[in-house]
C-alpha cells in the first residue's frame, strides 16, 4: 500500500495565516532546525523522520516533514482532548511500512492521520494555539506559505531579477 503524507489537509483549513514563523539561526544552537515553545527540533531528528516517512511517501520533503513536526503536538493534543481518534487500520498499515519508526515519526503519522477526524471548530482552536505559539525556524527552510502549505524560499531583496527580454527593434 502506498500512502502519501497529507500536506494539504491542514494547508488551507488549518494553517492559513496562523503559523507565524520567525527566523532562527538554529535557535542559537548548532544542529537545531526549529524551536516550538522552547522545544527544539534537531537537524538529525528532522532527517531521520523525513527518511522514515519517505518509506511510505518517497516524494516528501524536509520542509513538509518539518511543518508536520511543528503541527504534531498541537494536533495530537486536540485529538486526545476530543477523543476524536484512536490508531486505526490506516495508521497501523502506514506504521508497518516503517520498521523501527521513532516516537517522533509515530507522532507525525498519528497527527497526519487523525487530523481528518477533527471538526472545523477544533481546527480553528489549533489555529489559535499556533498563532500564540513561539515558533522559530532556521532560515534555510524559508518562510511558511499558507497557500501552498509549505515552506518557500524568499528571494533576498539584494538579488535583482534579470530584466525581461525585449523584442529587437524593427
Protein backbone atom coordinates (compact mmCIF):
# COMPACT_ATOMS: atom_id res chain seq x y z
CA UNK A 1 0.00 0.00 0.00
CA UNK A 2 1.44 3.35 -0.99
CA UNK A 3 0.27 6.22 1.15
CA UNK A 4 1.20 9.85 0.74
CA UNK A 5 1.70 12.01 3.77
CA UNK A 6 -1.06 14.57 3.58
CA UNK A 7 0.32 18.08 3.37
CA UNK A 8 -2.78 19.84 2.16
CA UNK A 9 -5.29 18.60 4.75
CA UNK A 10 -4.21 21.32 7.09
CA UNK A 11 -2.94 23.67 4.42
CA UNK A 12 -5.92 25.84 3.69
CA UNK A 13 -8.10 24.65 6.54
CA UNK A 14 -5.75 24.83 9.46
CA UNK A 15 -2.74 26.94 8.71
CA UNK A 16 -3.99 29.93 6.75
CA UNK A 17 -2.12 32.87 8.11
CA UNK A 18 -1.69 31.45 11.57
CA UNK A 19 1.71 29.86 11.76
CA UNK A 20 3.90 32.85 12.44
CA UNK A 21 7.42 31.68 11.86
CA UNK A 22 10.44 33.73 12.73
CA UNK A 23 13.91 33.07 11.51
CA UNK A 24 16.37 31.50 13.87
CA UNK A 25 19.87 30.52 13.09
CA UNK A 26 19.29 27.15 14.62
CA UNK A 27 17.53 28.89 17.51
CA UNK A 28 21.01 29.83 18.64
CA UNK A 29 22.05 26.20 18.86
CA UNK A 30 24.08 24.28 16.30
CA UNK A 31 22.15 21.41 14.76
CA UNK A 32 18.74 22.90 15.58
CA UNK A 33 16.32 23.49 12.69
CA UNK A 34 13.39 24.82 14.69
CA UNK A 35 12.14 25.61 18.15
CA UNK A 36 8.48 25.41 19.14
CA UNK A 37 7.51 26.84 22.52
CA UNK A 38 11.02 26.09 23.79
CA UNK A 39 11.18 22.55 22.42
CA UNK A 40 13.97 22.14 19.90
CA UNK A 41 13.80 20.12 16.71
CA UNK A 42 17.24 18.91 15.72
CA UNK A 43 18.55 18.51 12.20
CA UNK A 44 19.14 14.84 12.98
CA UNK A 45 15.54 14.29 14.16
CA UNK A 46 14.23 16.03 11.04
CA UNK A 47 16.47 13.97 8.74
CA UNK A 48 15.52 10.70 10.45
CA UNK A 49 11.80 11.47 10.39
CA UNK A 50 11.95 12.53 6.75
CA UNK A 51 13.84 9.34 5.78
CA UNK A 52 11.31 7.20 7.62
CA UNK A 53 8.28 8.95 6.12
CA UNK A 54 9.82 8.57 2.66
CA UNK A 55 9.31 4.82 3.07
CA UNK A 56 5.58 5.49 2.62
CA UNK A 57 5.84 8.71 0.59
CA UNK A 58 9.08 8.93 -1.39
CA UNK A 59 8.33 12.48 -2.51
CA UNK A 60 8.01 14.04 0.95
CA UNK A 61 10.39 16.93 1.53
CA UNK A 62 12.19 18.02 4.68
CA UNK A 63 10.09 21.19 4.65
CA UNK A 64 6.83 19.23 4.61
CA UNK A 65 8.13 16.97 7.38
CA UNK A 66 9.21 19.98 9.43
CA UNK A 67 5.76 21.55 9.05
CA UNK A 68 4.19 18.33 10.34
CA UNK A 69 6.68 18.10 13.21
CA UNK A 70 5.69 21.63 14.21
CA UNK A 71 1.98 20.79 13.95
CA UNK A 72 2.13 17.39 15.64
CA UNK A 73 1.92 18.41 19.31
CA UNK A 74 -0.97 20.78 18.61
CA UNK A 75 -2.95 18.31 16.51
CA UNK A 76 -2.32 15.30 18.76
CA UNK A 77 -3.25 17.26 21.90
CA UNK A 78 -6.55 18.33 20.34
CA UNK A 79 -7.26 14.80 19.09
CA UNK A 80 -6.62 13.41 22.59
CA UNK A 81 -8.71 16.13 24.25
CA UNK A 82 -11.66 15.43 21.95
CA UNK A 83 -11.09 11.68 21.92
CA UNK A 84 -11.60 12.05 18.19
CA UNK A 85 -9.44 9.17 17.00
CA UNK A 86 -7.60 6.03 18.05
CA UNK A 87 -4.98 4.26 15.95
CA UNK A 88 -6.85 2.61 13.11
CA UNK A 89 -6.12 0.33 10.16
CA UNK A 90 -4.80 3.19 8.01
CA UNK A 91 -2.36 4.33 10.70
CA UNK A 92 -1.25 0.78 11.51
CA UNK A 93 -0.74 -0.07 7.83
CA UNK A 94 1.39 3.03 7.34
CA UNK A 95 3.37 2.36 10.51
CA UNK A 96 4.08 -1.25 9.49
CA UNK A 97 5.91 0.10 6.42
CA UNK A 98 8.39 1.93 8.69
CA UNK A 99 10.47 -0.60 10.63
CA UNK A 100 11.99 0.98 13.73
CA UNK A 101 9.91 4.15 13.49
CA UNK A 102 10.96 6.71 16.07
CA UNK A 103 8.46 8.17 18.52
CA UNK A 104 8.62 11.43 16.55
CA UNK A 105 7.76 9.64 13.30
CA UNK A 106 4.89 7.82 15.03
CA UNK A 107 3.60 11.15 16.35
CA UNK A 108 3.75 12.77 12.92
CA UNK A 109 1.91 9.83 11.36
CA UNK A 110 -0.69 9.99 14.11
CA UNK A 111 -1.27 13.72 13.56
CA UNK A 112 -1.32 13.31 9.79
CA UNK A 113 -3.91 10.53 10.00
CA UNK A 114 -6.01 11.86 12.88
CA UNK A 115 -6.43 15.47 11.73
CA UNK A 116 -9.13 14.36 9.30
CA UNK A 117 -11.27 13.34 12.29
CA UNK A 118 -11.29 16.80 13.88
CA UNK A 119 -14.21 19.16 13.48
CA UNK A 120 -13.74 22.58 11.89
CA UNK A 121 -14.04 24.24 15.31
CA UNK A 122 -11.23 22.04 16.63
CA UNK A 123 -9.02 23.05 13.70
CA UNK A 124 -9.80 26.70 14.45
CA UNK A 125 -8.75 26.13 18.07
CA UNK A 126 -5.45 24.72 16.80
CA UNK A 127 -5.07 27.83 14.65
CA UNK A 128 -5.49 29.98 17.75
CA UNK A 129 -2.84 27.96 19.58
CA UNK A 130 -0.43 28.19 16.66
CA UNK A 131 -0.97 31.93 16.44
CA UNK A 132 0.09 32.27 20.08
CA UNK A 133 2.96 29.80 19.89
CA UNK A 134 6.60 30.76 19.75
CA UNK A 135 7.85 29.10 16.57
CA UNK A 136 11.35 29.79 15.27
CA UNK A 137 12.65 28.16 12.11
CA UNK A 138 16.10 28.05 10.57
CA UNK A 139 16.06 30.48 7.61
CA UNK A 140 17.28 27.79 5.22
CA UNK A 141 13.70 26.50 5.27
CA UNK A 142 12.40 29.89 4.18
CA UNK A 143 9.04 31.00 5.43
CA UNK A 144 5.70 29.30 5.57
CA UNK A 145 3.35 29.93 2.63
CA UNK A 146 -0.18 29.04 3.72
CA UNK A 147 -1.42 29.00 0.12
CA UNK A 148 0.93 26.13 -0.68
CA UNK A 149 1.08 24.58 2.81
CA UNK A 150 4.86 24.52 2.51
CA UNK A 151 7.97 26.47 3.32
CA UNK A 152 9.12 28.68 0.46
CA UNK A 153 12.38 30.45 -0.09
CA UNK A 154 12.13 34.20 -0.43
CA UNK A 155 14.39 35.96 -2.88
CA UNK A 156 16.60 38.28 -0.84
CA UNK A 157 15.97 41.95 -1.59
CA UNK A 158 19.56 42.42 -2.73
CA UNK A 159 19.13 39.99 -5.62
CA UNK A 160 17.83 41.88 -8.61
CA UNK A 161 15.80 39.76 -11.02
CA UNK A 162 17.05 39.85 -14.61
CA UNK A 163 15.26 42.25 -16.91
CA UNK A 164 12.59 40.74 -19.12
CA UNK A 165 13.82 40.13 -22.64
CA UNK A 166 12.69 42.74 -25.12
CA UNK A 167 11.89 42.28 -28.75
CA UNK A 168 14.52 43.59 -31.17
CA UNK A 169 13.65 46.91 -32.74
CA UNK A 170 12.45 46.66 -36.31
